[in-house]
PDB file of N, CA and C in Angstrom:
ATOM      1  N   UNK A   1      76.732 123.015 116.567  1.00  0.00           N
ATOM      2  CA  UNK A   1      77.531 123.629 117.386  1.00  0.00           C
ATOM      3  C   UNK A   1      78.741 123.772 116.840  1.00  0.00           C
ATOM      4  N   UNK A   2      79.310 125.245 116.810  1.00  0.00           N
ATOM      5  CA  UNK A   2      80.524 125.326 116.047  1.00  0.00           C
ATOM      6  C   UNK A   2      81.600 125.566 117.120  1.00  0.00           C
ATOM      7  N   UNK A   3      82.636 124.746 116.940  1.00  0.00           N
ATOM      8  CA  UNK A   3      83.797 125.006 117.946  1.00  0.00           C
ATOM      9  C   UNK A   3      84.818 125.954 117.517  1.00  0.00           C
ATOM     10  N   UNK A   4      85.271 126.833 118.504  1.00  0.00           N
ATOM     11  CA  UNK A   4      86.081 127.875 117.986  1.00  0.00           C
ATOM     12  C   UNK A   4      87.531 127.583 118.459  1.00  0.00           C
ATOM     13  N   UNK A   5      88.503 128.041 117.700  1.00  0.00           N
ATOM     14  CA  UNK A   5      89.907 127.803 118.151  1.00  0.00           C
ATOM     15  C   UNK A   5      90.414 126.649 117.562  1.00  0.00           C
ATOM     16  N   UNK A   6      89.710 125.634 116.923  1.00  0.00           N
ATOM     17  CA  UNK A   6      90.390 124.681 116.458  1.00  0.00           C
ATOM     18  C   UNK A   6      89.995 124.728 114.639  1.00  0.00           C
ATOM     19  N   UNK A   7      91.279 124.390 114.060  1.00  0.00           N
ATOM     20  CA  UNK A   7      91.427 124.612 112.568  1.00  0.00           C
ATOM     21  C   UNK A   7      91.632 123.250 111.963  1.00  0.00           C
ATOM     22  N   UNK A   8      91.087 122.959 110.748  1.00  0.00           N
ATOM     23  CA  UNK A   8      91.415 121.591 109.971  1.00  0.00           C
ATOM     24  C   UNK A   8      92.575 121.727 109.302  1.00  0.00           C
ATOM     25  N   UNK A   9      93.704 121.626 109.784  1.00  0.00           N
ATOM     26  CA  UNK A   9      95.038 121.893 108.869  1.00  0.00           C
ATOM     27  C   UNK A   9      95.312 120.474 108.129  1.00  0.00           C
ATOM     28  N   UNK A  10      94.511 119.514 107.910  1.00  0.00           N
ATOM     29  CA  UNK A  10      94.662 118.400 107.176  1.00  0.00           C
ATOM     30  C   UNK A  10      94.853 118.706 105.618  1.00  0.00           C
ATOM     31  N   UNK A  11      95.948 118.599 105.101  1.00  0.00           N
ATOM     32  CA  UNK A  11      96.146 118.627 103.683  1.00  0.00           C
ATOM     33  C   UNK A  11      96.776 117.461 103.129  1.00  0.00           C
ATOM     34  N   UNK A  12      96.097 117.353 101.777  1.00  0.00           N
ATOM     35  CA  UNK A  12      96.892 116.368 101.023  1.00  0.00           C
ATOM     36  C   UNK A  12      96.606 116.548  99.526  1.00  0.00           C
ATOM     37  N   UNK A  13      97.700 116.328  98.797  1.00  0.00           N
ATOM     38  CA  UNK A  13      97.626 116.533  97.432  1.00  0.00           C
ATOM     39  C   UNK A  13      98.018 115.148  96.862  1.00  0.00           C
ATOM     40  N   UNK A  14      97.366 114.934  95.616  1.00  0.00           N
ATOM     41  CA  UNK A  14      97.525 113.700  95.005  1.00  0.00           C
ATOM     42  C   UNK A  14      97.697 114.258  93.361  1.00  0.00           C
ATOM     43  N   UNK A  15      98.951 113.549  92.950  1.00  0.00           N
ATOM     44  CA  UNK A  15      99.123 113.851  91.312  1.00  0.00           C
ATOM     45  C   UNK A  15      99.429 112.609  90.709  1.00  0.00           C
ATOM     46  N   UNK A  16      98.659 112.484  89.511  1.00  0.00           N
ATOM     47  CA  UNK A  16      98.905 111.237  88.773  1.00  0.00           C
ATOM     48  C   UNK A  16      99.371 111.792  87.266  1.00  0.00           C
ATOM     49  N   UNK A  17     100.274 111.178  86.887  1.00  0.00           N
ATOM     50  CA  UNK A  17     101.073 111.675  85.710  1.00  0.00           C
ATOM     51  C   UNK A  17     100.899 110.256  84.681  1.00  0.00           C
ATOM     52  N   UNK A  18      99.908 110.637  83.866  1.00  0.00           N
ATOM     53  CA  UNK A  18      99.609 109.498  82.828  1.00  0.00           C
ATOM     54  C   UNK A  18      99.608 108.079  83.374  1.00  0.00           C
ATOM     55  N   UNK A  19      98.927 108.048  84.454  1.00  0.00           N
ATOM     56  CA  UNK A  19      98.835 106.748  85.222  1.00  0.00           C
ATOM     57  C   UNK A  19      99.924 105.938  85.411  1.00  0.00           C
ATOM     58  N   UNK A  20     101.132 106.466  85.260  1.00  0.00           N
ATOM     59  CA  UNK A  20     102.141 105.515  85.415  1.00  0.00           C
ATOM     60  C   UNK A  20     103.068 106.088  86.829  1.00  0.00           C
ATOM     61  N   UNK A  21     102.907 107.428  86.906  1.00  0.00           N
ATOM     62  CA  UNK A  21     103.636 107.863  88.562  1.00  0.00           C
ATOM     63  C   UNK A  21     102.461 108.705  89.257  1.00  0.00           C
ATOM     64  N   UNK A  22     102.446 108.129  90.557  1.00  0.00           N
ATOM     65  CA  UNK A  22     101.454 108.678  91.604  1.00  0.00           C
ATOM     66  C   UNK A  22     102.040 109.318  92.570  1.00  0.00           C
ATOM     67  N   UNK A  23     101.950 110.589  92.741  1.00  0.00           N
ATOM     68  CA  UNK A  23     102.612 111.431  94.019  1.00  0.00           C
ATOM     69  C   UNK A  23     101.652 112.159  94.928  1.00  0.00           C
ATOM     70  N   UNK A  24     101.908 111.520  96.130  1.00  0.00           N
ATOM     71  CA  UNK A  24     100.954 111.917  97.312  1.00  0.00           C
ATOM     72  C   UNK A  24     101.774 112.384  98.403  1.00  0.00           C
ATOM     73  N   UNK A  25     101.152 113.646  98.950  1.00  0.00           N
ATOM     74  CA  UNK A  25     101.511 114.305 100.108  1.00  0.00           C
ATOM     75  C   UNK A  25     100.421 114.026 101.051  1.00  0.00           C
ATOM     76  N   UNK A  26     100.941 114.298 102.519  1.00  0.00           N
ATOM     77  CA  UNK A  26      99.891 114.192 103.508  1.00  0.00           C
ATOM     78  C   UNK A  26      99.998 112.789 104.045  1.00  0.00           C
ATOM     79  N   UNK A  27     101.020 111.815 103.747  1.00  0.00           N
ATOM     80  CA  UNK A  27     101.029 110.471 104.021  1.00  0.00           C
ATOM     81  C   UNK A  27     101.895 110.243 105.545  1.00  0.00           C
ATOM     82  N   UNK A  28     100.949 109.719 106.206  1.00  0.00           N
ATOM     83  CA  UNK A  28     101.260 109.316 107.791  1.00  0.00           C
ATOM     84  C   UNK A  28     102.101 107.827 107.885  1.00  0.00           C
ATOM     85  N   UNK A  29     101.601 107.044 107.076  1.00  0.00           N
ATOM     86  CA  UNK A  29     102.279 105.670 107.030  1.00  0.00           C
ATOM     87  C   UNK A  29     101.842 104.749 105.937  1.00  0.00           C
ATOM     88  N   UNK A  30     102.591 103.904 105.497  1.00  0.00           N
ATOM     89  CA  UNK A  30     102.443 102.828 104.359  1.00  0.00           C
ATOM     90  C   UNK A  30     101.894 101.543 105.396  1.00  0.00           C
ATOM     91  N   UNK A  31     100.870 101.262 105.317  1.00  0.00           N
ATOM     92  CA  UNK A  31     100.257 100.032 106.228  1.00  0.00           C
ATOM     93  C   UNK A  31     100.681  98.863 105.408  1.00  0.00           C
ATOM     94  N   UNK A  32     100.370  98.490 104.098  1.00  0.00           N
ATOM     95  CA  UNK A  32     100.813  97.484 103.423  1.00  0.00           C
ATOM     96  C   UNK A  32     100.932  97.830 102.160  1.00  0.00           C
ATOM     97  N   UNK A  33     101.652  96.773 101.355  1.00  0.00           N
ATOM     98  CA  UNK A  33     101.610  97.069  99.868  1.00  0.00           C
ATOM     99  C   UNK A  33     102.225  95.878  99.136  1.00  0.00           C
ATOM    100  N   UNK A  34     101.802  95.675  97.972  1.00  0.00           N
ATOM    101  CA  UNK A  34     102.239  94.871  96.911  1.00  0.00           C
ATOM    102  C   UNK A  34     102.381  95.247  95.804  1.00  0.00           C
ATOM    103  N   UNK A  35     102.541  94.585  94.651  1.00  0.00           N
ATOM    104  CA  UNK A  35     102.645  95.119  93.475  1.00  0.00           C
ATOM    105  C   UNK A  35     101.271  95.249  92.759  1.00  0.00           C
ATOM    106  N   UNK A  36     100.162  94.772  93.381  1.00  0.00           N
ATOM    107  CA  UNK A  36      98.947  95.186  92.952  1.00  0.00           C
ATOM    108  C   UNK A  36      98.178  96.120  93.947  1.00  0.00           C
ATOM    109  N   UNK A  37      98.622  96.538  94.989  1.00  0.00           N
ATOM    110  CA  UNK A  37      97.723  97.335  96.087  1.00  0.00           C
ATOM    111  C   UNK A  37      98.720  97.799  97.158  1.00  0.00           C
ATOM    112  N   UNK A  38      98.312  99.101  97.410  1.00  0.00           N
ATOM    113  CA  UNK A  38      99.109 100.027  98.376  1.00  0.00           C
ATOM    114  C   UNK A  38      97.824 100.450  99.372  1.00  0.00           C
ATOM    115  N   UNK A  39      98.007 100.461 100.624  1.00  0.00           N
ATOM    116  CA  UNK A  39      97.321 100.759 101.715  1.00  0.00           C
ATOM    117  C   UNK A  39      97.911 101.913 102.390  1.00  0.00           C
ATOM    118  N   UNK A  40      97.719 103.072 102.228  1.00  0.00           N
ATOM    119  CA  UNK A  40      98.375 104.026 103.038  1.00  0.00           C
ATOM    120  C   UNK A  40      97.370 104.984 103.865  1.00  0.00           C
ATOM    121  N   UNK A  41      97.985 105.205 105.225  1.00  0.00           N
ATOM    122  CA  UNK A  41      97.402 106.038 106.221  1.00  0.00           C
ATOM    123  C   UNK A  41      97.639 107.373 106.072  1.00  0.00           C
ATOM    124  N   UNK A  42      96.688 108.240 105.762  1.00  0.00           N
ATOM    125  CA  UNK A  42      96.972 109.620 105.165  1.00  0.00           C
ATOM    126  C   UNK A  42      96.239 110.731 106.095  1.00  0.00           C
ATOM    127  N   UNK A  43      96.458 111.863 106.039  1.00  0.00           N
ATOM    128  CA  UNK A  43      95.931 113.087 106.753  1.00  0.00           C
ATOM    129  C   UNK A  43      94.305 112.939 106.567  1.00  0.00           C
ATOM    130  N   UNK A  44      93.919 112.519 105.526  1.00  0.00           N
ATOM    131  CA  UNK A  44      92.570 112.494 105.351  1.00  0.00           C
ATOM    132  C   UNK A  44      91.949 111.052 105.403  1.00  0.00           C
ATOM    133  N   UNK A  45      92.527 110.153 105.909  1.00  0.00           N
ATOM    134  CA  UNK A  45      91.853 108.659 105.954  1.00  0.00           C
ATOM    135  C   UNK A  45      92.832 107.526 105.204  1.00  0.00           C
ATOM    136  N   UNK A  46      92.256 106.362 105.244  1.00  0.00           N
ATOM    137  CA  UNK A  46      93.062 105.252 104.988  1.00  0.00           C
ATOM    138  C   UNK A  46      92.767 105.380 103.221  1.00  0.00           C
ATOM    139  N   UNK A  47      93.824 105.381 102.276  1.00  0.00           N
ATOM    140  CA  UNK A  47      93.875 105.550 100.999  1.00  0.00           C
ATOM    141  C   UNK A  47      94.317 104.153 100.291  1.00  0.00           C
ATOM    142  N   UNK A  48      93.404 103.646  99.363  1.00  0.00           N
ATOM    143  CA  UNK A  48      93.659 102.444  98.535  1.00  0.00           C
ATOM    144  C   UNK A  48      94.145 102.752  97.246  1.00  0.00           C
ATOM    145  N   UNK A  49      95.253 102.243  97.038  1.00  0.00           N
ATOM    146  CA  UNK A  49      95.612 102.262  95.460  1.00  0.00           C
ATOM    147  C   UNK A  49      95.759 101.086  94.760  1.00  0.00           C
ATOM    148  N   UNK A  50      95.049 100.998  93.860  1.00  0.00           N
ATOM    149  CA  UNK A  50      95.119  99.491  92.915  1.00  0.00           C
ATOM    150  C   UNK A  50      95.753  99.830  91.769  1.00  0.00           C
ATOM    151  N   UNK A  51      96.432  98.591  91.172  1.00  0.00           N
ATOM    152  CA  UNK A  51      96.950  98.672  89.923  1.00  0.00           C
ATOM    153  C   UNK A  51      97.900  97.478  89.445  1.00  0.00           C
ATOM    154  N   UNK A  52      98.611  97.622  88.614  1.00  0.00           N
ATOM    155  CA  UNK A  52      99.721  96.454  88.322  1.00  0.00           C
ATOM    156  C   UNK A  52     101.171  96.960  88.127  1.00  0.00           C
ATOM    157  N   UNK A  53     101.851  96.167  88.701  1.00  0.00           N
ATOM    158  CA  UNK A  53     103.493  96.420  88.634  1.00  0.00           C
ATOM    159  C   UNK A  53     103.769  97.708  89.496  1.00  0.00           C
ATOM    160  N   UNK A  54     103.081  97.751  90.729  1.00  0.00           N
ATOM    161  CA  UNK A  54     103.374  99.122  91.519  1.00  0.00           C
ATOM    162  C   UNK A  54     104.466  98.903  92.287  1.00  0.00           C
ATOM    163  N   UNK A  55     105.087  99.918  92.651  1.00  0.00           N
ATOM    164  CA  UNK A  55     106.311  99.895  93.493  1.00  0.00           C
ATOM    165  C   UNK A  55     106.638 101.301  93.881  1.00  0.00           C
ATOM    166  N   UNK A  56     107.310 101.538  95.072  1.00  0.00           N
ATOM    167  CA  UNK A  56     107.537 102.558  95.632  1.00  0.00           C
ATOM    168  C   UNK A  56     108.832 103.361  94.911  1.00  0.00           C
ATOM    169  N   UNK A  57     108.671 104.450  94.298  1.00  0.00           N
ATOM    170  CA  UNK A  57     109.935 105.184  93.666  1.00  0.00           C
ATOM    171  C   UNK A  57     110.574 106.087  94.696  1.00  0.00           C
ATOM    172  N   UNK A  58     109.658 106.560  95.699  1.00  0.00           N
ATOM    173  CA  UNK A  58     110.209 107.450  96.669  1.00  0.00           C
ATOM    174  C   UNK A  58     109.435 107.426  97.867  1.00  0.00           C
ATOM    175  N   UNK A  59     109.857 107.537  99.109  1.00  0.00           N
ATOM    176  CA  UNK A  59     109.129 107.354 100.263  1.00  0.00           C
ATOM    177  C   UNK A  59     109.852 108.551 101.340  1.00  0.00           C
ATOM    178  N   UNK A  60     108.955 109.390 101.961  1.00  0.00           N
ATOM    179  CA  UNK A  60     109.835 110.140 102.855  1.00  0.00           C
ATOM    180  C   UNK A  60     108.704 110.491 103.821  1.00  0.00           C
ATOM    181  N   UNK A  61     108.618 109.783 104.870  1.00  0.00           N
ATOM    182  CA  UNK A  61     107.736 109.789 105.798  1.00  0.00           C
ATOM    183  C   UNK A  61     107.581 111.103 106.892  1.00  0.00           C
ATOM    184  N   UNK A  62     108.973 111.680 106.992  1.00  0.00           N
ATOM    185  CA  UNK A  62     109.227 112.846 107.709  1.00  0.00           C
ATOM    186  C   UNK A  62     108.447 113.967 107.029  1.00  0.00           C
ATOM    187  N   UNK A  63     108.294 113.919 105.644  1.00  0.00           N
ATOM    188  CA  UNK A  63     107.786 114.724 104.820  1.00  0.00           C
ATOM    189  C   UNK A  63     106.531 114.576 104.634  1.00  0.00           C
ATOM    190  N   UNK A  64     105.966 113.209 104.858  1.00  0.00           N
ATOM    191  CA  UNK A  64     104.677 112.880 104.581  1.00  0.00           C
ATOM    192  C   UNK A  64     104.586 112.682 102.894  1.00  0.00           C
ATOM    193  N   UNK A  65     105.515 112.296 102.153  1.00  0.00           N
ATOM    194  CA  UNK A  65     105.582 112.140 100.920  1.00  0.00           C
ATOM    195  C   UNK A  65     105.815 110.914 100.372  1.00  0.00           C
ATOM    196  N   UNK A  66     104.986 110.192  99.307  1.00  0.00           N
ATOM    197  CA  UNK A  66     105.331 108.987  98.838  1.00  0.00           C
ATOM    198  C   UNK A  66     104.948 109.158  97.322  1.00  0.00           C
ATOM    199  N   UNK A  67     106.037 108.242  96.373  1.00  0.00           N
ATOM    200  CA  UNK A  67     105.715 108.419  94.999  1.00  0.00           C
ATOM    201  C   UNK A  67     105.743 106.820  94.461  1.00  0.00           C
ATOM    202  N   UNK A  68     104.748 106.704  93.861  1.00  0.00           N
ATOM    203  CA  UNK A  68     104.439 105.144  93.387  1.00  0.00           C
ATOM    204  C   UNK A  68     104.492 105.056  92.054  1.00  0.00           C
ATOM    205  N   UNK A  69     105.300 104.312  91.170  1.00  0.00           N
ATOM    206  CA  UNK A  69     105.398 104.112  89.924  1.00  0.00           C
ATOM    207  C   UNK A  69     104.451 102.760  89.570  1.00  0.00           C
ATOM    208  N   UNK A  70     104.205 102.461  88.322  1.00  0.00           N
ATOM    209  CA  UNK A  70     103.417 101.212  88.037  1.00  0.00           C
ATOM    210  C   UNK A  70     102.079 101.765  87.139  1.00  0.00           C
ATOM    211  N   UNK A  71     101.253 100.868  87.033  1.00  0.00           N
ATOM    212  CA  UNK A  71     100.081 101.450  86.148  1.00  0.00           C
ATOM    213  C   UNK A  71      99.024 101.479  87.197  1.00  0.00           C
ATOM    214  N   UNK A  72      98.453 102.781  87.312  1.00  0.00           N
ATOM    215  CA  UNK A  72      97.293 102.967  88.730  1.00  0.00           C
ATOM    216  C   UNK A  72      96.035 102.949  87.807  1.00  0.00           C
ATOM    217  N   UNK A  73      94.938 101.914  88.612  1.00  0.00           N
ATOM    218  CA  UNK A  73      93.856 101.539  88.122  1.00  0.00           C
ATOM    219  C   UNK A  73      92.906 102.565  88.723  1.00  0.00           C
ATOM    220  N   UNK A  74      93.188 102.361  90.330  1.00  0.00           N
ATOM    221  CA  UNK A  74      92.009 102.952  90.913  1.00  0.00           C
ATOM    222  C   UNK A  74      92.720 103.484  92.147  1.00  0.00           C
ATOM    223  N   UNK A  75      91.965 104.726  92.874  1.00  0.00           N
ATOM    224  CA  UNK A  75      92.317 105.136  94.163  1.00  0.00           C
ATOM    225  C   UNK A  75      90.854 105.388  94.888  1.00  0.00           C
ATOM    226  N   UNK A  76      90.960 104.969  96.079  1.00  0.00           N
ATOM    227  CA  UNK A  76      89.696 105.018  97.057  1.00  0.00           C
ATOM    228  C   UNK A  76      89.968 105.212  98.536  1.00  0.00           C
ATOM    229  N   UNK A  77      89.164 106.152  99.135  1.00  0.00           N
ATOM    230  CA  UNK A  77      89.377 106.178 100.596  1.00  0.00           C
ATOM    231  C   UNK A  77      88.376 105.210 101.174  1.00  0.00           C
ATOM    232  N   UNK A  78      88.853 104.639 102.485  1.00  0.00           N
ATOM    233  CA  UNK A  78      87.962 103.867 102.924  1.00  0.00           C
ATOM    234  C   UNK A  78      86.932 104.974 103.902  1.00  0.00           C
ATOM    235  N   UNK A  79      85.835 104.424 104.121  1.00  0.00           N
ATOM    236  CA  UNK A  79      84.854 105.098 104.864  1.00  0.00           C
ATOM    237  C   UNK A  79      85.416 105.228 106.215  1.00  0.00           C
ATOM    238  N   UNK A  80      85.212 106.404 106.997  1.00  0.00           N
ATOM    239  CA  UNK A  80      85.386 106.418 108.296  1.00  0.00           C
ATOM    240  C   UNK A  80      84.954 105.285 109.231  1.00  0.00           C
ATOM    241  N   UNK A  81      85.820 105.067 110.244  1.00  0.00           N
ATOM    242  CA  UNK A  81      85.176 103.928 111.134  1.00  0.00           C
ATOM    243  C   UNK A  81      85.413 102.739 110.523  1.00  0.00           C
ATOM    244  N   UNK A  82      85.474 102.325 109.130  1.00  0.00           N
ATOM    245  CA  UNK A  82      85.783 100.883 108.785  1.00  0.00           C
ATOM    246  C   UNK A  82      87.139 100.665 108.968  1.00  0.00           C
ATOM    247  N   UNK A  83      87.653  99.404 109.210  1.00  0.00           N
ATOM    248  CA  UNK A  83      88.894  98.973 109.483  1.00  0.00           C
ATOM    249  C   UNK A  83      89.497  98.538 108.149  1.00  0.00           C
ATOM    250  N   UNK A  84      90.856  98.860 107.678  1.00  0.00           N
ATOM    251  CA  UNK A  84      91.485  98.232 106.769  1.00  0.00           C
ATOM    252  C   UNK A  84      91.529  96.815 106.719  1.00  0.00           C
ATOM    253  N   UNK A  85      91.309  96.211 105.580  1.00  0.00           N
ATOM    254  CA  UNK A  85      91.372  94.638 105.597  1.00  0.00           C
ATOM    255  C   UNK A  85      93.021  94.398 105.493  1.00  0.00           C
ATOM    256  N   UNK A  86      93.458  93.264 106.531  1.00  0.00           N
ATOM    257  CA  UNK A  86      94.754  92.934 106.612  1.00  0.00           C
ATOM    258  C   UNK A  86      94.976  91.778 105.830  1.00  0.00           C
ATOM    259  N   UNK A  87      95.415  91.861 104.449  1.00  0.00           N
ATOM    260  CA  UNK A  87      95.909  90.777 103.575  1.00  0.00           C
ATOM    261  C   UNK A  87      96.999  89.904 103.860  1.00  0.00           C
ATOM    262  N   UNK A  88      96.707  89.027 104.602  1.00  0.00           N
ATOM    263  CA  UNK A  88      97.782  88.149 104.868  1.00  0.00           C
ATOM    264  C   UNK A  88      97.862  86.980 103.815  1.00  0.00           C
ATOM    265  N   UNK A  89      98.754  86.106 103.846  1.00  0.00           N
ATOM    266  CA  UNK A  89      98.818  84.974 102.985  1.00  0.00           C
ATOM    267  C   UNK A  89      97.431  84.209 102.834  1.00  0.00           C
ATOM    268  N   UNK A  90      96.833  83.919 103.791  1.00  0.00           N
ATOM    269  CA  UNK A  90      95.422  83.286 103.653  1.00  0.00           C
ATOM    270  C   UNK A  90      94.514  84.246 102.974  1.00  0.00           C
ATOM    271  N   UNK A  91      94.495  85.473 103.285  1.00  0.00           N
ATOM    272  CA  UNK A  91      93.514  86.431 102.753  1.00  0.00           C
ATOM    273  C   UNK A  91      93.735  86.434 100.983  1.00  0.00           C
ATOM    274  N   UNK A  92      95.020  86.398 100.922  1.00  0.00           N
ATOM    275  CA  UNK A  92      95.343  86.511  99.260  1.00  0.00           C
ATOM    276  C   UNK A  92      94.809  85.129  98.701  1.00  0.00           C
ATOM    277  N   UNK A  93      95.223  83.869  99.228  1.00  0.00           N
ATOM    278  CA  UNK A  93      94.834  82.808  98.665  1.00  0.00           C
ATOM    279  C   UNK A  93      93.045  82.580  98.570  1.00  0.00           C
ATOM    280  N   UNK A  94      92.464  83.008  99.439  1.00  0.00           N
ATOM    281  CA  UNK A  94      90.951  82.954  99.299  1.00  0.00           C
ATOM    282  C   UNK A  94      90.415  83.935  98.543  1.00  0.00           C
ATOM    283  N   UNK A  95      91.138  85.048  98.063  1.00  0.00           N
ATOM    284  CA  UNK A  95      90.537  85.906  97.315  1.00  0.00           C
ATOM    285  C   UNK A  95      89.797  85.597  96.103  1.00  0.00           C
TER     286      UNK A  95
END
């Protein structure tokens, strides 16, 4: 069944410059972050960024933009319906 009158206006751009600078649009929220992992809520789902020496260079949630500096090793979207893992102190110690 095709629904009429509804359009998918979800847009996201990801630009990675030499694995050192990551620019992402369509960001709704920064769920958690540390120097090895970021978890972002985006227009297209939760996005996990893993790397080393990661830090926020620029953040503007009104415009839905974030830029992250450091060495980026991987980007992955969580499956729809799965909950992001909350990495508390105990979770990090047991990793």
